[in-house]
Amino acid sequence: MTIRQQNSMAAFLSMLMQVVIWIAVISGVIAFLLIGAGLIGSLNGGVMKVPGMETYVEDVKPGQFVAGLAGLAVFAPGIIYVCIQLRRILSTLADGDPFVPQNGPRLTRIAIAIALVELARYVTVILLNLFVDLGTDQPVRLSINLAAWAAVVALFILAQVFREGTRLREEEKMTI
């Protein structure tokens, strides 16, 4: 039986990832509230009155706020989910044992989450262009993020590497 030392860099990164998760959650809630308030104000003729606060929204069409909310709804959950999975992987690395059976599927889930966020972004852009008046002459551009798709492929490959590493480690434990 070997004694594993705790990886201090992985422990630090795991803690840092927890901070990133909380920042993403808090930022997402604040952005949702601000964009939502802007949408209500723009639908109310450009003025929104809340006890203790009066906001004027001029020159911003409701469609632009809808686009902002749609973007937030697509990206925020994906970012938070990916960060949670990364933190779980980092926790196993911090414990000195990254080749646990759970890490392969975690990497696969991260790859799927990134792919779903990209697909949801495409659908959101198409729906915004079809159904929402953004108040501009140009539609929202649909672009393909090759870096995101390369990350998806790389994560699927790393998931297989982790699965194989776990299998080899289990085989090694069985040998005398």
Protein backbone atom coordinates (compact mmCIF):
# COMPACT_ATOMS: atom_id res chain seq x y z
CA MET A 1 0.00 0.00 0.00
CA THR A 2 1.39 3.39 -0.96
CA ILE A 3 0.83 6.60 0.91
CA ARG A 4 -0.20 9.42 -1.37
CA GLN A 5 0.81 12.97 -0.67
CA GLN A 6 -1.73 15.71 -1.14
CA ASN A 7 -1.05 17.82 -4.20
CA SER A 8 -0.99 21.38 -2.88
CA MET A 9 -1.26 23.01 -6.33
CA ALA A 10 -4.34 20.92 -7.16
CA ALA A 11 -5.82 21.75 -3.74
CA PHE A 12 -5.23 25.45 -4.43
CA LEU A 13 -6.78 25.16 -7.90
CA SER A 14 -9.75 23.29 -6.44
CA MET A 15 -10.28 26.10 -3.95
CA LEU A 16 -9.85 28.68 -6.72
CA MET A 17 -12.42 26.82 -8.82
CA GLN A 18 -14.88 27.05 -5.91
CA VAL A 19 -14.34 30.83 -5.85
CA VAL A 20 -14.91 30.97 -9.63
CA ILE A 21 -18.16 29.01 -9.21
CA TRP A 22 -19.44 31.47 -6.61
CA ILE A 23 -18.38 34.47 -8.68
CA ALA A 24 -20.18 32.99 -11.70
CA VAL A 25 -23.35 32.34 -9.69
CA ILE A 26 -23.39 35.80 -8.09
CA SER A 27 -22.52 37.54 -11.36
CA GLY A 28 -25.20 35.56 -13.18
CA VAL A 29 -27.87 36.50 -10.64
CA ILE A 30 -26.85 40.18 -10.69
CA ALA A 31 -26.75 40.24 -14.50
CA PHE A 32 -30.14 38.52 -14.68
CA LEU A 33 -31.66 41.09 -12.30
CA LEU A 34 -30.12 44.05 -14.13
CA ILE A 35 -31.05 42.84 -17.60
CA GLY A 36 -34.51 41.88 -16.38
CA ALA A 37 -34.98 45.33 -14.84
CA GLY A 38 -33.82 46.90 -18.11
CA LEU A 39 -36.31 44.78 -20.04
CA ILE A 40 -39.16 45.81 -17.75
CA GLY A 41 -38.09 49.45 -18.04
CA SER A 42 -37.88 49.32 -21.82
CA LEU A 43 -41.33 47.70 -22.03
CA ASN A 44 -42.66 50.43 -19.73
CA GLY A 45 -41.80 53.27 -22.06
CA GLY A 46 -38.22 53.62 -20.90
CA VAL A 47 -38.94 54.29 -17.23
CA MET A 48 -38.82 51.88 -14.33
CA LYS A 49 -39.69 53.00 -10.82
CA VAL A 50 -38.81 50.85 -7.85
CA PRO A 51 -39.08 52.13 -4.28
CA GLY A 52 -35.89 54.09 -3.66
CA MET A 53 -34.77 53.89 -7.28
CA GLU A 54 -35.83 55.31 -10.61
CA THR A 55 -34.27 54.05 -13.81
CA TYR A 56 -34.46 55.46 -17.30
CA VAL A 57 -33.79 53.18 -20.24
CA GLU A 58 -33.46 55.11 -23.46
CA ASP A 59 -32.35 54.02 -26.91
CA VAL A 60 -32.35 50.36 -25.93
CA LYS A 61 -34.95 48.16 -27.58
CA PRO A 62 -36.64 45.37 -25.59
CA GLY A 63 -35.22 42.88 -28.08
CA GLN A 64 -31.69 43.76 -27.01
CA PHE A 65 -32.55 42.92 -23.40
CA VAL A 66 -34.18 39.68 -24.56
CA ALA A 67 -30.97 38.84 -26.43
CA GLY A 68 -28.96 39.55 -23.29
CA LEU A 69 -31.18 37.33 -21.17
CA ALA A 70 -31.01 34.57 -23.79
CA GLY A 71 -27.23 34.73 -23.86
CA LEU A 72 -27.09 34.64 -20.08
CA ALA A 73 -29.49 31.70 -19.97
CA VAL A 74 -27.28 29.77 -22.41
CA PHE A 75 -23.83 30.51 -21.01
CA ALA A 76 -24.20 30.87 -17.23
CA PRO A 77 -25.49 27.35 -16.44
CA GLY A 78 -22.91 25.81 -18.78
CA ILE A 79 -20.02 27.68 -17.19
CA ILE A 80 -21.16 26.80 -13.68
CA TYR A 81 -21.65 23.12 -14.57
CA VAL A 82 -18.22 22.84 -16.20
CA CYS A 83 -16.58 24.52 -13.19
CA ILE A 84 -18.30 22.12 -10.78
CA GLN A 85 -17.06 19.10 -12.77
CA LEU A 86 -13.54 20.55 -12.94
CA ARG A 87 -13.55 21.12 -9.19
CA ARG A 88 -14.48 17.47 -8.62
CA ILE A 89 -11.62 16.35 -10.85
CA LEU A 90 -9.20 18.70 -9.08
CA SER A 91 -10.33 17.31 -5.72
CA THR A 92 -9.27 13.81 -6.76
CA LEU A 93 -5.96 15.20 -8.01
CA ALA A 94 -5.47 17.06 -4.73
CA ASP A 95 -6.02 13.77 -2.90
CA GLY A 96 -3.21 12.28 -5.01
CA ASP A 97 -5.44 9.92 -7.01
CA PRO A 98 -6.70 11.40 -10.29
CA PHE A 99 -7.24 8.03 -11.99
CA VAL A 100 -10.47 7.21 -10.23
CA PRO A 101 -13.34 5.72 -12.25
CA GLN A 102 -15.46 8.89 -11.86
CA ASN A 103 -13.04 11.25 -13.68
CA GLY A 104 -13.46 9.73 -17.15
CA PRO A 105 -17.23 10.31 -17.12
CA ARG A 106 -16.69 13.78 -15.63
CA LEU A 107 -14.51 14.75 -18.58
CA THR A 108 -17.14 13.33 -20.93
CA ARG A 109 -19.84 15.38 -19.18
CA ILE A 110 -17.71 18.52 -19.56
CA ALA A 111 -17.31 17.83 -23.29
CA ILE A 112 -21.05 17.28 -23.68
CA ALA A 113 -21.82 20.44 -21.70
CA ILE A 114 -19.55 22.55 -23.91
CA ALA A 115 -21.09 21.02 -27.04
CA LEU A 116 -24.61 21.67 -25.72
CA VAL A 117 -23.76 25.28 -24.89
CA GLU A 118 -22.46 25.79 -28.43
CA LEU A 119 -25.55 24.15 -29.97
CA ALA A 120 -27.83 26.19 -27.70
CA ARG A 121 -25.98 29.33 -28.79
CA TYR A 122 -26.65 28.48 -32.45
CA VAL A 123 -30.35 27.87 -31.76
CA THR A 124 -30.57 31.08 -29.71
CA VAL A 125 -29.04 33.17 -32.50
CA ILE A 126 -31.39 31.65 -35.06
CA LEU A 127 -34.46 32.21 -32.85
CA LEU A 128 -33.42 35.77 -32.03
CA ASN A 129 -33.03 36.56 -35.72
CA LEU A 130 -36.39 35.01 -36.57
CA PHE A 131 -38.60 36.26 -33.75
CA VAL A 132 -37.02 39.22 -31.90
CA ASP A 133 -36.75 42.80 -33.13
CA LEU A 134 -33.32 43.85 -31.94
CA GLY A 135 -33.79 47.39 -33.17
CA THR A 136 -30.89 47.19 -35.61
CA ASP A 137 -30.61 46.64 -39.34
CA GLN A 138 -28.17 43.77 -39.01
CA PRO A 139 -29.10 40.37 -37.61
CA VAL A 140 -27.10 38.66 -34.90
CA ARG A 141 -24.29 36.79 -36.62
CA LEU A 142 -24.03 33.07 -36.33
CA SER A 143 -20.41 32.06 -35.92
CA ILE A 144 -18.78 28.72 -35.33
CA ASN A 145 -16.33 28.65 -32.45
CA LEU A 146 -13.65 26.21 -33.61
CA ALA A 147 -11.79 26.48 -30.29
CA ALA A 148 -14.87 25.25 -28.42
CA TRP A 149 -15.31 22.31 -30.79
CA ALA A 150 -11.58 21.47 -30.53
CA ALA A 151 -11.96 21.51 -26.74
CA VAL A 152 -14.90 19.10 -27.03
CA VAL A 153 -12.82 16.68 -29.09
CA ALA A 154 -9.81 17.03 -26.75
CA LEU A 155 -12.00 16.38 -23.71
CA PHE A 156 -13.46 13.23 -25.26
CA ILE A 157 -9.90 12.03 -25.91
CA LEU A 158 -8.80 12.87 -22.35
CA ALA A 159 -11.84 11.03 -21.00
CA GLN A 160 -10.70 7.91 -22.86
CA VAL A 161 -7.16 8.39 -21.52
CA PHE A 162 -8.51 8.58 -17.96
CA ARG A 163 -10.67 5.50 -18.48
CA GLU A 164 -7.68 3.56 -19.81
CA GLY A 165 -5.45 4.82 -16.99
CA THR A 166 -8.03 3.70 -14.44
CA ARG A 167 -8.33 0.29 -16.12
CA LEU A 168 -4.55 -0.18 -16.18
CA ARG A 169 -4.28 0.83 -12.55
CA GLU A 170 -6.97 -1.68 -11.57
CA GLU A 171 -5.13 -4.40 -13.53
CA GLU A 172 -1.89 -3.49 -11.77
CA LYS A 173 -3.57 -3.85 -8.38
CA MET A 174 -4.60 -7.40 -9.32
CA THR A 175 -1.04 -8.51 -10.19
CA ILE A 176 1.20 -9.92 -7.53
